[in-house]
């Protein structure tokens, strides 16, 4: 719910100059939803350390992609 609301406000506030800016963030939001669904419905992590490392890696990857998409608009 928050993701959809934030995406709506973001797309309403910017004026993208490229197709990547117009469609990049919605595709990125769908990717984040797919990863979240896998976390909820997928197999449990093998260890707490593996879960922590994976979560941090995915967080930094998502932050980098969001930054790249935001600077291209």
N, C-alpha and C. Protein backbone atom coordinates (compact mmCIF):
# COMPACT_ATOMS: atom_id res chain seq x y z
N UNK A 1 0.82 -1.18 0.00
CA UNK A 1 0.00 0.00 0.00
C UNK A 1 0.87 1.25 0.00
N UNK A 2 1.88 1.26 0.89
CA UNK A 2 2.78 2.41 0.95
C UNK A 2 3.61 2.53 -0.32
N UNK A 3 4.01 1.40 -0.86
CA UNK A 3 4.80 1.41 -2.09
C UNK A 3 4.00 2.01 -3.24
N UNK A 4 2.76 1.61 -3.38
CA UNK A 4 1.91 2.15 -4.46
C UNK A 4 1.65 3.63 -4.25
N UNK A 5 1.39 4.04 -3.03
CA UNK A 5 1.15 5.46 -2.76
C UNK A 5 2.39 6.30 -3.02
N UNK A 6 3.55 5.81 -2.57
CA UNK A 6 4.78 6.55 -2.82
C UNK A 6 5.12 6.62 -4.30
N UNK A 7 4.89 5.53 -5.01
CA UNK A 7 5.13 5.53 -6.46
C UNK A 7 4.22 6.51 -7.17
N UNK A 8 2.96 6.55 -6.77
CA UNK A 8 2.01 7.50 -7.36
C UNK A 8 2.46 8.94 -7.12
N UNK A 9 2.83 9.26 -5.89
CA UNK A 9 3.28 10.62 -5.58
C UNK A 9 4.55 10.97 -6.32
N UNK A 10 5.47 10.02 -6.43
CA UNK A 10 6.72 10.27 -7.14
C UNK A 10 6.47 10.54 -8.62
N UNK A 11 5.66 9.70 -9.24
CA UNK A 11 5.40 9.88 -10.68
C UNK A 11 4.60 11.14 -10.96
N UNK A 12 3.80 11.56 -10.01
CA UNK A 12 3.04 12.79 -10.18
C UNK A 12 3.94 14.01 -10.02
N UNK A 13 5.00 13.90 -9.22
CA UNK A 13 5.86 15.04 -8.93
C UNK A 13 6.93 15.27 -9.98
N UNK A 14 7.34 14.21 -10.70
CA UNK A 14 8.42 14.38 -11.68
C UNK A 14 7.85 14.52 -13.08
N UNK A 15 8.68 15.02 -13.95
CA UNK A 15 8.36 15.07 -15.37
C UNK A 15 9.49 14.35 -16.09
N UNK A 16 9.33 13.04 -16.30
CA UNK A 16 10.42 12.27 -16.91
C UNK A 16 10.68 12.70 -18.35
N UNK A 17 11.95 12.72 -18.71
CA UNK A 17 12.33 13.13 -20.06
C UNK A 17 12.61 11.92 -20.95
N UNK A 18 12.74 10.75 -20.36
CA UNK A 18 13.00 9.54 -21.15
C UNK A 18 11.96 8.48 -20.80
N UNK A 19 11.87 7.48 -21.65
CA UNK A 19 10.96 6.36 -21.37
C UNK A 19 11.41 5.60 -20.13
N UNK A 20 12.73 5.56 -19.90
CA UNK A 20 13.24 4.89 -18.70
C UNK A 20 12.71 5.57 -17.44
N UNK A 21 12.63 6.87 -17.45
CA UNK A 21 12.10 7.59 -16.31
C UNK A 21 10.63 7.34 -16.10
N UNK A 22 9.90 7.16 -17.18
CA UNK A 22 8.46 6.95 -17.07
C UNK A 22 8.12 5.52 -16.65
N UNK A 23 8.85 4.56 -17.16
CA UNK A 23 8.53 3.16 -16.90
C UNK A 23 9.53 2.47 -15.97
N UNK A 24 10.66 3.09 -15.72
CA UNK A 24 11.68 2.46 -14.89
C UNK A 24 11.23 2.26 -13.45
N UNK A 25 10.64 3.28 -12.84
CA UNK A 25 10.21 3.16 -11.45
C UNK A 25 9.06 2.17 -11.28
N UNK A 26 8.03 2.17 -12.14
CA UNK A 26 7.00 1.13 -11.97
C UNK A 26 7.54 -0.29 -12.13
N UNK A 27 8.44 -0.50 -13.06
CA UNK A 27 9.05 -1.83 -13.22
C UNK A 27 9.86 -2.18 -11.98
N UNK A 28 10.58 -1.20 -11.46
CA UNK A 28 11.36 -1.41 -10.23
C UNK A 28 10.44 -1.74 -9.06
N UNK A 29 9.31 -1.08 -8.96
CA UNK A 29 8.35 -1.37 -7.88
C UNK A 29 7.81 -2.80 -8.01
N UNK A 30 7.52 -3.23 -9.22
CA UNK A 30 7.07 -4.61 -9.42
C UNK A 30 8.16 -5.61 -9.04
N UNK A 31 9.40 -5.29 -9.34
CA UNK A 31 10.51 -6.16 -8.94
C UNK A 31 10.61 -6.24 -7.42
N UNK A 32 10.44 -5.12 -6.74
CA UNK A 32 10.49 -5.14 -5.27
C UNK A 32 9.33 -5.96 -4.70
N UNK A 33 8.16 -5.86 -5.30
CA UNK A 33 7.03 -6.67 -4.84
C UNK A 33 7.29 -8.16 -5.07
N UNK A 34 7.91 -8.50 -6.19
CA UNK A 34 8.23 -9.90 -6.47
C UNK A 34 9.24 -10.45 -5.46
N UNK A 35 10.25 -9.66 -5.12
CA UNK A 35 11.23 -10.10 -4.13
C UNK A 35 10.56 -10.27 -2.77
N UNK A 36 9.68 -9.34 -2.41
CA UNK A 36 8.98 -9.45 -1.13
C UNK A 36 8.10 -10.69 -1.08
N UNK A 37 7.43 -11.00 -2.17
CA UNK A 37 6.60 -12.20 -2.23
C UNK A 37 7.46 -13.46 -2.07
N UNK A 38 8.64 -13.46 -2.69
CA UNK A 38 9.53 -14.61 -2.55
C UNK A 38 10.00 -14.77 -1.11
N UNK A 39 10.28 -13.64 -0.44
CA UNK A 39 10.71 -13.70 0.95
C UNK A 39 9.62 -14.29 1.83
N UNK A 40 8.37 -13.88 1.59
CA UNK A 40 7.27 -14.39 2.40
C UNK A 40 6.92 -15.84 2.08
N UNK A 41 6.93 -16.20 0.80
CA UNK A 41 6.44 -17.50 0.39
C UNK A 41 7.53 -18.53 0.08
N UNK A 42 8.76 -18.08 -0.04
CA UNK A 42 9.86 -18.98 -0.40
C UNK A 42 10.37 -19.78 0.77
N UNK A 43 11.40 -20.56 0.51
CA UNK A 43 11.97 -21.39 1.58
C UNK A 43 12.66 -20.52 2.63
N UNK A 44 12.75 -21.00 3.86
CA UNK A 44 13.43 -20.23 4.90
C UNK A 44 14.93 -20.17 4.64
N UNK A 45 15.59 -19.15 5.14
CA UNK A 45 17.05 -19.06 4.94
C UNK A 45 17.76 -20.20 5.66
N UNK A 46 18.95 -20.50 5.18
CA UNK A 46 19.71 -21.61 5.76
C UNK A 46 20.26 -21.28 7.14
N UNK A 47 20.53 -19.99 7.39
CA UNK A 47 21.03 -19.57 8.70
C UNK A 47 20.69 -18.10 8.90
N UNK A 48 20.72 -17.63 10.14
CA UNK A 48 20.49 -16.21 10.38
C UNK A 48 21.52 -15.31 9.71
N UNK A 49 22.76 -15.76 9.67
CA UNK A 49 23.80 -14.96 9.01
C UNK A 49 23.55 -14.85 7.51
N UNK A 50 23.11 -15.93 6.89
CA UNK A 50 22.81 -15.89 5.46
C UNK A 50 21.64 -14.95 5.19
N UNK A 51 20.64 -14.96 6.06
CA UNK A 51 19.50 -14.06 5.89
C UNK A 51 19.94 -12.60 6.03
N UNK A 52 20.80 -12.31 6.98
CA UNK A 52 21.27 -10.94 7.19
C UNK A 52 22.10 -10.44 6.01
N UNK A 53 23.01 -11.27 5.53
CA UNK A 53 23.86 -10.87 4.40
C UNK A 53 23.02 -10.67 3.15
N UNK A 54 22.09 -11.56 2.90
CA UNK A 54 21.22 -11.43 1.73
C UNK A 54 20.36 -10.17 1.82
N UNK A 55 19.80 -9.90 3.00
CA UNK A 55 18.96 -8.72 3.17
C UNK A 55 19.76 -7.44 2.95
N UNK A 56 20.96 -7.37 3.51
CA UNK A 56 21.79 -6.18 3.32
C UNK A 56 22.20 -6.01 1.86
N UNK A 57 22.57 -7.11 1.21
CA UNK A 57 22.95 -7.02 -0.20
C UNK A 57 21.80 -6.54 -1.08
N UNK A 58 20.62 -7.09 -0.86
CA UNK A 58 19.46 -6.68 -1.66
C UNK A 58 19.09 -5.23 -1.36
N UNK A 59 19.18 -4.82 -0.10
CA UNK A 59 18.88 -3.44 0.25
C UNK A 59 19.81 -2.48 -0.49
N UNK A 60 21.12 -2.74 -0.46
CA UNK A 60 22.06 -1.86 -1.15
C UNK A 60 21.87 -1.89 -2.66
N UNK A 61 21.55 -3.04 -3.22
CA UNK A 61 21.28 -3.13 -4.65
C UNK A 61 20.04 -2.31 -5.02
N UNK A 62 18.96 -2.46 -4.25
CA UNK A 62 17.75 -1.68 -4.52
C UNK A 62 18.00 -0.19 -4.36
N UNK A 63 18.78 0.21 -3.36
CA UNK A 63 19.09 1.63 -3.16
C UNK A 63 19.88 2.18 -4.34
N UNK A 64 20.82 1.41 -4.86
CA UNK A 64 21.63 1.86 -6.00
C UNK A 64 20.77 1.98 -7.26
N UNK A 65 19.89 1.02 -7.49
CA UNK A 65 19.02 1.08 -8.67
C UNK A 65 18.05 2.26 -8.55
N UNK A 66 17.48 2.48 -7.38
CA UNK A 66 16.57 3.61 -7.19
C UNK A 66 17.30 4.93 -7.41
N UNK A 67 18.51 5.05 -6.93
CA UNK A 67 19.29 6.26 -7.14
C UNK A 67 19.58 6.48 -8.62
N UNK A 68 19.95 5.42 -9.31
CA UNK A 68 20.22 5.54 -10.75
C UNK A 68 18.97 5.94 -11.52
N UNK A 69 17.84 5.37 -11.16
CA UNK A 69 16.59 5.73 -11.84
C UNK A 69 16.19 7.16 -11.53
N UNK A 70 16.39 7.59 -10.31
CA UNK A 70 15.98 8.95 -9.92
C UNK A 70 16.86 10.00 -10.57
N UNK A 71 18.13 9.72 -10.78
CA UNK A 71 19.01 10.72 -11.39
C UNK A 71 18.84 10.80 -12.91
N UNK A 72 18.27 9.77 -13.52
CA UNK A 72 18.06 9.80 -14.97
C UNK A 72 16.78 10.52 -15.37
N UNK A 73 15.92 10.78 -14.43
CA UNK A 73 14.64 11.45 -14.75
C UNK A 73 14.83 12.95 -14.84
